[in-house]
Amino acid sequence: MSSSQPDPAPALKEFSTFETVLSVRPDDIDMNRHVHNSKYLDYVLAARFDQMERCYRMPMEAFLERGFSWFVKSTFIEHKRPLHLGDTLAVRTRVEEIHVRGVKVAFEIAKVDSRKSSALGWFEYVMVHADTGRPAIIPEDIIEAYSV
């Protein structure tokens, strides 16, 4: 007897979330006395560099030694609450998708003391050949290292 039920959808890969704690610096503050919009993106990039080495065990230097680098293709940020001088923030990132030539990384920036989100968003990165800037296919060992 054959089943008329369709095959279940394949399970989506769940990736780990990693956290980096940073502090708001005086030069992060804008004329409105809160963290400037551009600094939120800097916080995510700083967290990713930390997490590449500490959590994935593949720092940016390892990519450069192999002739690869990463470009930001697109980014999105939704501001929820402002950050101010003296705030300590947690930047949580998680690989959402891995494609042949790139990855999508989701992030949340939250105040450590209140645990409330200050910003949510994502980055799409493209792996490139460092010498030409042309897109590269992500090698399998890199996909495996970042699929935790």
C-alpha atoms as a PDB file:
ATOM      1  CA  MET A   1       0.000   0.000   0.000  1.00  0.00           C
ATOM      2  CA  SER A   2       1.437   3.388  -0.904  1.00  0.00           C
ATOM      3  CA  SER A   3       1.095   6.405   1.282  1.00  0.00           C
ATOM      4  CA  SER A   4      -0.599   9.474  -0.061  1.00  0.00           C
ATOM      5  CA  GLN A   5       1.301  11.615   2.444  1.00  0.00           C
ATOM      6  CA  PRO A   6       4.082  13.733   0.936  1.00  0.00           C
ATOM      7  CA  ASP A   7       7.632  13.223   2.167  1.00  0.00           C
ATOM      8  CA  PRO A   8       8.436  15.505   5.080  1.00  0.00           C
ATOM      9  CA  ALA A   9      10.452  18.583   4.229  1.00  0.00           C
ATOM     10  CA  PRO A  10      14.172  18.165   4.872  1.00  0.00           C
ATOM     11  CA  ALA A  11      15.241  19.578   8.215  1.00  0.00           C
ATOM     12  CA  LEU A  12      16.989  22.906   8.057  1.00  0.00           C
ATOM     13  CA  LYS A  13      20.473  23.017   9.524  1.00  0.00           C
ATOM     14  CA  GLU A  14      20.556  24.686  12.930  1.00  0.00           C
ATOM     15  CA  PHE A  15      23.722  26.683  13.508  1.00  0.00           C
ATOM     16  CA  SER A  16      25.194  27.709  16.852  1.00  0.00           C
ATOM     17  CA  THR A  17      24.828  31.179  18.312  1.00  0.00           C
ATOM     18  CA  PHE A  18      27.967  32.799  19.714  1.00  0.00           C
ATOM     19  CA  GLU A  19      28.343  35.858  21.919  1.00  0.00           C
ATOM     20  CA  THR A  20      30.952  38.581  22.306  1.00  0.00           C
ATOM     21  CA  VAL A  21      30.734  41.236  25.030  1.00  0.00           C
ATOM     22  CA  LEU A  22      31.855  44.782  24.208  1.00  0.00           C
ATOM     23  CA  SER A  23      31.629  48.198  25.855  1.00  0.00           C
ATOM     24  CA  VAL A  24      30.432  51.484  24.418  1.00  0.00           C
ATOM     25  CA  ARG A  25      33.384  53.828  23.974  1.00  0.00           C
ATOM     26  CA  PRO A  26      33.269  57.622  24.117  1.00  0.00           C
ATOM     27  CA  ASP A  27      34.053  57.887  20.388  1.00  0.00           C
ATOM     28  CA  ASP A  28      30.970  55.711  19.608  1.00  0.00           C
ATOM     29  CA  ILE A  29      28.629  58.493  20.776  1.00  0.00           C
ATOM     30  CA  ASP A  30      26.993  60.921  18.333  1.00  0.00           C
ATOM     31  CA  MET A  31      25.533  64.398  18.773  1.00  0.00           C
ATOM     32  CA  ASN A  32      22.286  62.873  20.117  1.00  0.00           C
ATOM     33  CA  ARG A  33      24.257  61.349  23.036  1.00  0.00           C
ATOM     34  CA  HIS A  34      23.735  57.742  22.001  1.00  0.00           C
ATOM     35  CA  VAL A  35      25.684  55.285  19.874  1.00  0.00           C
ATOM     36  CA  HIS A  36      25.842  56.311  16.228  1.00  0.00           C
ATOM     37  CA  ASN A  37      24.136  54.029  13.723  1.00  0.00           C
ATOM     38  CA  SER A  38      27.396  53.051  11.989  1.00  0.00           C
ATOM     39  CA  LYS A  39      28.926  51.796  15.233  1.00  0.00           C
ATOM     40  CA  TYR A  40      26.380  48.974  15.498  1.00  0.00           C
ATOM     41  CA  LEU A  41      27.833  47.505  12.304  1.00  0.00           C
ATOM     42  CA  ASP A  42      31.335  47.936  13.739  1.00  0.00           C
ATOM     43  CA  TYR A  43      30.247  46.007  16.846  1.00  0.00           C
ATOM     44  CA  VAL A  44      29.056  43.095  14.710  1.00  0.00           C
ATOM     45  CA  LEU A  45      32.271  43.042  12.675  1.00  0.00           C
ATOM     46  CA  ALA A  46      34.382  43.112  15.854  1.00  0.00           C
ATOM     47  CA  ALA A  47      32.312  40.243  17.276  1.00  0.00           C
ATOM     48  CA  ARG A  48      32.667  38.194  14.090  1.00  0.00           C
ATOM     49  CA  PHE A  49      36.461  38.571  14.120  1.00  0.00           C
ATOM     50  CA  ASP A  50      36.511  37.435  17.749  1.00  0.00           C
ATOM     51  CA  GLN A  51      34.160  34.529  17.090  1.00  0.00           C
ATOM     52  CA  MET A  52      35.975  33.393  13.934  1.00  0.00           C
ATOM     53  CA  GLU A  53      39.053  32.723  16.045  1.00  0.00           C
ATOM     54  CA  ARG A  54      37.558  31.774  19.415  1.00  0.00           C
ATOM     55  CA  CYS A  55      34.458  29.818  18.376  1.00  0.00           C
ATOM     56  CA  TYR A  56      35.131  28.500  14.869  1.00  0.00           C
ATOM     57  CA  ARG A  57      38.903  28.092  15.313  1.00  0.00           C
ATOM     58  CA  MET A  58      39.435  29.677  11.895  1.00  0.00           C
ATOM     59  CA  PRO A  59      40.504  33.329  12.264  1.00  0.00           C
ATOM     60  CA  MET A  60      40.544  35.847   9.441  1.00  0.00           C
ATOM     61  CA  GLU A  61      44.299  35.323   9.083  1.00  0.00           C
ATOM     62  CA  ALA A  62      43.634  31.693   8.042  1.00  0.00           C
ATOM     63  CA  PHE A  63      41.470  32.914   5.161  1.00  0.00           C
ATOM     64  CA  LEU A  64      44.071  35.447   4.073  1.00  0.00           C
ATOM     65  CA  GLU A  65      46.835  32.817   4.175  1.00  0.00           C
ATOM     66  CA  ARG A  66      44.746  30.726   1.756  1.00  0.00           C
ATOM     67  CA  GLY A  67      44.162  33.706  -0.533  1.00  0.00           C
ATOM     68  CA  PHE A  68      40.556  34.373   0.513  1.00  0.00           C
ATOM     69  CA  SER A  69      38.726  37.279   2.066  1.00  0.00           C
ATOM     70  CA  TRP A  70      35.112  38.285   2.737  1.00  0.00           C
ATOM     71  CA  PHE A  71      33.117  41.201   1.310  1.00  0.00           C
ATOM     72  CA  VAL A  72      29.843  42.483   2.705  1.00  0.00           C
ATOM     73  CA  LYS A  73      27.253  42.046  -0.046  1.00  0.00           C
ATOM     74  CA  SER A  74      24.305  43.476   1.887  1.00  0.00           C
ATOM     75  CA  THR A  75      23.230  44.236   5.407  1.00  0.00           C
ATOM     76  CA  PHE A  76      20.075  45.041   7.309  1.00  0.00           C
ATOM     77  CA  ILE A  77      19.687  46.536  10.758  1.00  0.00           C
ATOM     78  CA  GLU A  78      16.590  47.315  12.788  1.00  0.00           C
ATOM     79  CA  HIS A  79      17.204  49.598  15.752  1.00  0.00           C
ATOM     80  CA  LYS A  80      15.135  48.773  18.845  1.00  0.00           C
ATOM     81  CA  ARG A  81      16.638  50.762  21.731  1.00  0.00           C
ATOM     82  CA  PRO A  82      19.605  53.129  21.906  1.00  0.00           C
ATOM     83  CA  LEU A  83      22.916  52.313  23.506  1.00  0.00           C
ATOM     84  CA  HIS A  84      24.647  54.941  25.637  1.00  0.00           C
ATOM     85  CA  LEU A  85      28.076  55.655  27.038  1.00  0.00           C
ATOM     86  CA  GLY A  86      28.816  53.202  29.830  1.00  0.00           C
ATOM     87  CA  ASP A  87      26.613  50.427  28.416  1.00  0.00           C
ATOM     88  CA  THR A  88      27.998  46.925  28.079  1.00  0.00           C
ATOM     89  CA  LEU A  89      26.584  45.055  25.119  1.00  0.00           C
ATOM     90  CA  ALA A  90      26.416  41.462  23.985  1.00  0.00           C
ATOM     91  CA  VAL A  91      26.697  40.804  20.273  1.00  0.00           C
ATOM     92  CA  ARG A  92      25.160  37.450  19.388  1.00  0.00           C
ATOM     93  CA  THR A  93      25.701  36.097  15.894  1.00  0.00           C
ATOM     94  CA  ARG A  94      24.601  32.952  14.117  1.00  0.00           C
ATOM     95  CA  VAL A  95      25.198  31.649  10.630  1.00  0.00           C
ATOM     96  CA  GLU A  96      21.744  31.386   9.070  1.00  0.00           C
ATOM     97  CA  GLU A  97      22.614  30.095   5.615  1.00  0.00           C
ATOM     98  CA  ILE A  98      25.680  28.905   3.770  1.00  0.00           C
ATOM     99  CA  HIS A  99      25.694  29.183  -0.009  1.00  0.00           C
ATOM    100  CA  VAL A 100      28.256  28.174  -2.610  1.00  0.00           C
ATOM    101  CA  ARG A 101      29.922  31.598  -2.509  1.00  0.00           C
ATOM    102  CA  GLY A 102      28.696  33.194   0.692  1.00  0.00           C
ATOM    103  CA  VAL A 103      26.999  33.144   4.048  1.00  0.00           C
ATOM    104  CA  LYS A 104      24.173  34.981   5.755  1.00  0.00           C
ATOM    105  CA  VAL A 105      24.875  35.856   9.389  1.00  0.00           C
ATOM    106  CA  ALA A 106      22.106  37.052  11.714  1.00  0.00           C
ATOM    107  CA  PHE A 107      22.891  39.213  14.717  1.00  0.00           C
ATOM    108  CA  GLU A 108      21.400  40.673  17.853  1.00  0.00           C
ATOM    109  CA  ILE A 109      22.950  43.439  19.920  1.00  0.00           C
ATOM    110  CA  ALA A 110      21.559  43.596  23.455  1.00  0.00           C
ATOM    111  CA  LYS A 111      22.343  45.494  26.632  1.00  0.00           C
ATOM    112  CA  VAL A 112      23.955  43.074  29.075  1.00  0.00           C
ATOM    113  CA  ASP A 113      22.274  44.479  32.195  1.00  0.00           C
ATOM    114  CA  SER A 114      18.683  44.525  30.873  1.00  0.00           C
ATOM    115  CA  ARG A 115      19.049  41.755  28.253  1.00  0.00           C
ATOM    116  CA  LYS A 116      16.858  43.896  25.966  1.00  0.00           C
ATOM    117  CA  SER A 117      17.634  44.079  22.271  1.00  0.00           C
ATOM    118  CA  SER A 118      19.129  47.275  20.936  1.00  0.00           C
ATOM    119  CA  ALA A 119      19.383  46.077  17.343  1.00  0.00           C
ATOM    120  CA  LEU A 120      18.616  43.061  15.178  1.00  0.00           C
ATOM    121  CA  GLY A 121      19.747  42.338  11.652  1.00  0.00           C
ATOM    122  CA  TRP A 122      21.878  40.344   9.261  1.00  0.00           C
ATOM    123  CA  PHE A 123      24.877  40.508   6.963  1.00  0.00           C
ATOM    124  CA  GLU A 124      25.363  38.674   3.669  1.00  0.00           C
ATOM    125  CA  TYR A 125      29.033  38.003   3.042  1.00  0.00           C
ATOM    126  CA  VAL A 126      30.631  36.802  -0.195  1.00  0.00           C
ATOM    127  CA  MET A 127      33.905  34.898  -0.163  1.00  0.00           C
ATOM    128  CA  VAL A 128      36.368  36.383  -2.645  1.00  0.00           C
ATOM    129  CA  HIS A 129      39.856  35.734  -3.933  1.00  0.00           C
ATOM    130  CA  ALA A 130      41.933  38.240  -1.955  1.00  0.00           C
ATOM    131  CA  ASP A 131      44.171  39.103  -4.904  1.00  0.00           C
ATOM    132  CA  THR A 132      41.376  39.843  -7.407  1.00  0.00           C
ATOM    133  CA  GLY A 133      38.273  40.538  -5.330  1.00  0.00           C
ATOM    134  CA  ARG A 134      36.364  38.084  -7.545  1.00  0.00           C
ATOM    135  CA  PRO A 135      33.860  35.691  -5.926  1.00  0.00           C
ATOM    136  CA  ALA A 136      35.218  32.317  -4.839  1.00  0.00           C
ATOM    137  CA  ILE A 137      33.572  28.990  -4.142  1.00  0.00           C
ATOM    138  CA  ILE A 138      33.755  28.239  -0.425  1.00  0.00           C
ATOM    139  CA  PRO A 139      35.947  25.150   0.149  1.00  0.00           C
ATOM    140  CA  GLU A 140      34.298  22.186   1.909  1.00  0.00           C
ATOM    141  CA  ASP A 141      36.598  22.348   4.946  1.00  0.00           C
ATOM    142  CA  ILE A 142      35.537  25.951   5.574  1.00  0.00           C
ATOM    143  CA  ILE A 143      31.862  25.032   5.229  1.00  0.00           C
ATOM    144  CA  GLU A 144      32.429  22.225   7.731  1.00  0.00           C
ATOM    145  CA  ALA A 145      34.248  24.511  10.207  1.00  0.00           C
ATOM    146  CA  TYR A 146      31.436  27.071  10.116  1.00  0.00           C
ATOM    147  CA  SER A 147      28.615  24.514  10.256  1.00  0.00           C
ATOM    148  CA  VAL A 148      28.665  24.100  14.024  1.00  0.00           C
END
